[in-house]
Amino acid sequence: MIQKVFKNKKIIEADSSDSSDKREIFNYKVTTTKGDILWVPHDENNTDYQDILKWVAAGNTIEE
């Protein structure tokens, strides 16, 4: 069961001289009620991400 979810955004640069090589990566840091920590990618095909969406739909809030 999910206890808390934090949104984590990283900007990845392949080459600092070319700004077109920058991309944003979104992951979610999930803390379960058992205290386990999961890093979940923002990917609709990922079942852990689907669980996050259900958790939010149930009225919970993702923290920044």
C-alpha atoms as a PDB file:
ATOM      1  CA  MET A   1       0.000   0.000   0.000  1.00  0.00           C
ATOM      2  CA  ILE A   2       1.288   3.462  -0.902  1.00  0.00           C
ATOM      3  CA  GLN A   3       1.862   5.890   1.940  1.00  0.00           C
ATOM      4  CA  LYS A   4       3.517   8.900   0.247  1.00  0.00           C
ATOM      5  CA  VAL A   5       4.546   9.883  -3.257  1.00  0.00           C
ATOM      6  CA  PHE A   6       7.037  12.603  -4.170  1.00  0.00           C
ATOM      7  CA  LYS A   7       7.538  13.917  -7.703  1.00  0.00           C
ATOM      8  CA  ASN A   8      11.175  14.093  -8.752  1.00  0.00           C
ATOM      9  CA  LYS A   9      12.251  15.845 -11.962  1.00  0.00           C
ATOM     10  CA  LYS A  10      15.787  15.673 -13.302  1.00  0.00           C
ATOM     11  CA  ILE A  11      17.170  17.399 -16.367  1.00  0.00           C
ATOM     12  CA  ILE A  12      19.654  15.247 -18.230  1.00  0.00           C
ATOM     13  CA  GLU A  13      22.253  16.866 -20.476  1.00  0.00           C
ATOM     14  CA  ALA A  14      24.102  14.787 -23.027  1.00  0.00           C
ATOM     15  CA  ASP A  15      26.312  17.697 -24.053  1.00  0.00           C
ATOM     16  CA  SER A  16      26.304  21.084 -22.308  1.00  0.00           C
ATOM     17  CA  SER A  17      27.183  22.929 -25.537  1.00  0.00           C
ATOM     18  CA  ASP A  18      24.003  21.782 -27.280  1.00  0.00           C
ATOM     19  CA  SER A  19      20.782  22.651 -25.451  1.00  0.00           C
ATOM     20  CA  SER A  20      18.781  20.376 -27.766  1.00  0.00           C
ATOM     21  CA  ASP A  21      20.327  17.377 -25.988  1.00  0.00           C
ATOM     22  CA  LYS A  22      18.557  18.254 -22.733  1.00  0.00           C
ATOM     23  CA  ARG A  23      15.616  16.160 -21.657  1.00  0.00           C
ATOM     24  CA  GLU A  24      13.500  15.943 -18.557  1.00  0.00           C
ATOM     25  CA  ILE A  25      13.073  12.684 -16.681  1.00  0.00           C
ATOM     26  CA  PHE A  26      10.154  12.288 -14.306  1.00  0.00           C
ATOM     27  CA  ASN A  27      10.218   9.691 -11.555  1.00  0.00           C
ATOM     28  CA  TYR A  28       8.169   9.258  -8.433  1.00  0.00           C
ATOM     29  CA  LYS A  29       9.644   8.353  -5.066  1.00  0.00           C
ATOM     30  CA  VAL A  30       7.088   6.104  -3.394  1.00  0.00           C
ATOM     31  CA  THR A  31       7.170   5.200   0.284  1.00  0.00           C
ATOM     32  CA  THR A  32       5.035   2.191   1.132  1.00  0.00           C
ATOM     33  CA  THR A  33       3.252   1.599   4.422  1.00  0.00           C
ATOM     34  CA  LYS A  34       5.960  -1.007   5.152  1.00  0.00           C
ATOM     35  CA  GLY A  35       8.648   1.678   4.774  1.00  0.00           C
ATOM     36  CA  ASP A  36       9.993   0.419   1.439  1.00  0.00           C
ATOM     37  CA  ILE A  37      11.100   3.059  -1.074  1.00  0.00           C
ATOM     38  CA  LEU A  38      10.421   2.606  -4.788  1.00  0.00           C
ATOM     39  CA  TRP A  39      11.496   4.789  -7.699  1.00  0.00           C
ATOM     40  CA  VAL A  40       8.730   4.661 -10.305  1.00  0.00           C
ATOM     41  CA  PRO A  41       9.125   6.084 -13.828  1.00  0.00           C
ATOM     42  CA  HIS A  42       6.408   8.257 -15.355  1.00  0.00           C
ATOM     43  CA  ASP A  43       5.302   5.534 -17.760  1.00  0.00           C
ATOM     44  CA  GLU A  44       1.649   4.633 -18.270  1.00  0.00           C
ATOM     45  CA  ASN A  45       2.600   1.018 -19.040  1.00  0.00           C
ATOM     46  CA  ASN A  46       4.335   0.616 -15.672  1.00  0.00           C
ATOM     47  CA  THR A  47       2.069  -1.143 -13.157  1.00  0.00           C
ATOM     48  CA  ASP A  48       3.572   0.768 -10.212  1.00  0.00           C
ATOM     49  CA  TYR A  49       2.770   4.050 -11.998  1.00  0.00           C
ATOM     50  CA  GLN A  50      -0.785   2.776 -12.560  1.00  0.00           C
ATOM     51  CA  ASP A  51      -1.013   2.179  -8.794  1.00  0.00           C
ATOM     52  CA  ILE A  52       0.065   5.794  -8.206  1.00  0.00           C
ATOM     53  CA  LEU A  53      -2.726   7.002 -10.513  1.00  0.00           C
ATOM     54  CA  LYS A  54      -5.271   4.936  -8.566  1.00  0.00           C
ATOM     55  CA  TRP A  55      -3.879   6.300  -5.291  1.00  0.00           C
ATOM     56  CA  VAL A  56      -4.309   9.885  -6.562  1.00  0.00           C
ATOM     57  CA  ALA A  57      -7.812   9.103  -7.870  1.00  0.00           C
ATOM     58  CA  ALA A  58      -8.684   7.969  -4.328  1.00  0.00           C
ATOM     59  CA  GLY A  59      -8.038  11.535  -3.116  1.00  0.00           C
ATOM     60  CA  ASN A  60      -4.349  11.456  -2.192  1.00  0.00           C
ATOM     61  CA  THR A  61      -1.856  14.155  -3.202  1.00  0.00           C
ATOM     62  CA  ILE A  62       1.594  13.835  -4.745  1.00  0.00           C
ATOM     63  CA  GLU A  63       4.106  16.050  -2.934  1.00  0.00           C
ATOM     64  CA  GLU A  64       6.769  18.046  -4.743  1.00  0.00           C
END
